[in-house]
Amino acid sequence: MIDLAIVILIIAIIFGLFIILKSFTHFIVNAIIGLVILFLANTFLGLGIGYSWLVIIICAIGGVLGAVLVIIIHLLGLGF
């Protein structure tokens, strides 16, 4: 009986770690895509948006939409 409980606990821990790592990789991919878009916009459009922690967090959480949001906020003069 105890062996079955240990096996179930190990399976639950592995499943939990899988979910955490999956969401973490999704977060990293979003951050990279958002920052690449922001970098390209700075390079080709000459926007001059700085890479502060707030900008990185917005791009990481929002990805493409976060980068577009940062660009729009900068163009409206409310920049970071």
Protein backbone atom coordinates (compact mmCIF):
# COMPACT_ATOMS: atom_id res chain seq x y z
CA MET A 1 0.00 0.00 0.00
CA ILE A 2 2.79 2.41 0.86
CA ASP A 3 4.64 1.48 -2.34
CA LEU A 4 1.60 2.45 -4.39
CA ALA A 5 1.37 5.81 -2.59
CA ILE A 6 5.06 6.50 -3.30
CA VAL A 7 4.64 5.65 -6.98
CA ILE A 8 1.60 7.95 -7.24
CA LEU A 9 3.53 10.72 -5.46
CA ILE A 10 6.49 10.36 -7.84
CA ILE A 11 4.16 10.44 -10.87
CA ALA A 12 2.47 13.58 -9.50
CA ILE A 13 5.85 15.29 -8.95
CA ILE A 14 7.04 14.41 -12.47
CA PHE A 15 3.77 15.67 -13.97
CA GLY A 16 4.03 18.92 -11.97
CA LEU A 17 7.62 19.48 -13.10
CA PHE A 18 6.60 18.84 -16.71
CA ILE A 19 3.88 21.50 -16.51
CA ILE A 20 6.25 24.01 -14.89
CA LEU A 21 8.99 23.44 -17.48
CA LYS A 22 6.50 23.63 -20.34
CA SER A 23 5.19 27.00 -19.17
CA PHE A 24 8.74 28.23 -18.54
CA THR A 25 9.85 27.41 -22.09
CA HIS A 26 6.71 29.13 -23.43
CA PHE A 27 7.65 32.21 -21.39
CA ILE A 28 11.21 32.18 -22.76
CA VAL A 29 10.04 31.80 -26.37
CA ASN A 30 7.60 34.71 -25.90
CA ALA A 31 10.36 36.86 -24.43
CA ILE A 32 12.75 36.12 -27.28
CA ILE A 33 10.19 36.75 -30.03
CA GLY A 34 9.00 39.97 -28.40
CA LEU A 35 12.52 41.28 -27.90
CA VAL A 36 13.51 40.39 -31.47
CA ILE A 37 10.53 42.37 -32.78
CA LEU A 38 11.44 45.28 -30.52
CA PHE A 39 15.07 45.11 -31.67
CA LEU A 40 14.03 45.07 -35.34
CA ALA A 41 11.69 48.01 -34.79
CA ASN A 42 14.47 49.95 -33.08
CA THR A 43 16.94 49.10 -35.84
CA PHE A 44 14.81 49.74 -38.92
CA LEU A 45 12.46 52.43 -37.62
CA GLY A 46 14.95 54.19 -35.33
CA LEU A 47 12.53 54.33 -32.41
CA GLY A 48 15.14 54.41 -29.65
CA ILE A 49 13.16 52.33 -27.16
CA GLY A 50 15.33 51.33 -24.21
CA TYR A 51 15.50 47.79 -22.89
CA SER A 52 14.44 48.24 -19.28
CA TRP A 53 13.17 45.47 -17.01
CA LEU A 54 9.62 46.67 -17.53
CA VAL A 55 9.94 46.45 -21.31
CA ILE A 56 11.45 42.96 -21.06
CA ILE A 57 8.65 41.78 -18.75
CA ILE A 58 5.96 43.18 -21.06
CA CYS A 59 7.58 41.50 -24.07
CA ALA A 60 8.03 38.24 -22.15
CA ILE A 61 4.42 38.05 -21.04
CA GLY A 62 2.84 39.47 -24.18
CA GLY A 63 5.26 38.24 -26.84
CA VAL A 64 4.40 39.85 -30.18
CA LEU A 65 1.45 41.76 -28.73
CA GLY A 66 3.62 42.99 -25.86
CA ALA A 67 6.25 44.31 -28.27
CA VAL A 68 3.56 46.04 -30.33
CA LEU A 69 2.13 47.53 -27.13
CA VAL A 70 5.55 48.89 -26.12
CA ILE A 71 6.01 50.38 -29.61
CA ILE A 72 2.56 52.01 -29.55
CA ILE A 73 3.14 53.43 -26.07
CA HIS A 74 6.49 54.83 -27.22
CA LEU A 75 4.94 56.38 -30.35
CA LEU A 76 2.22 58.02 -28.24
CA GLY A 77 4.92 59.71 -26.17
CA LEU A 78 4.16 57.80 -23.01
CA GLY A 79 7.38 55.77 -23.37
CA PHE A 80 9.39 53.91 -20.80
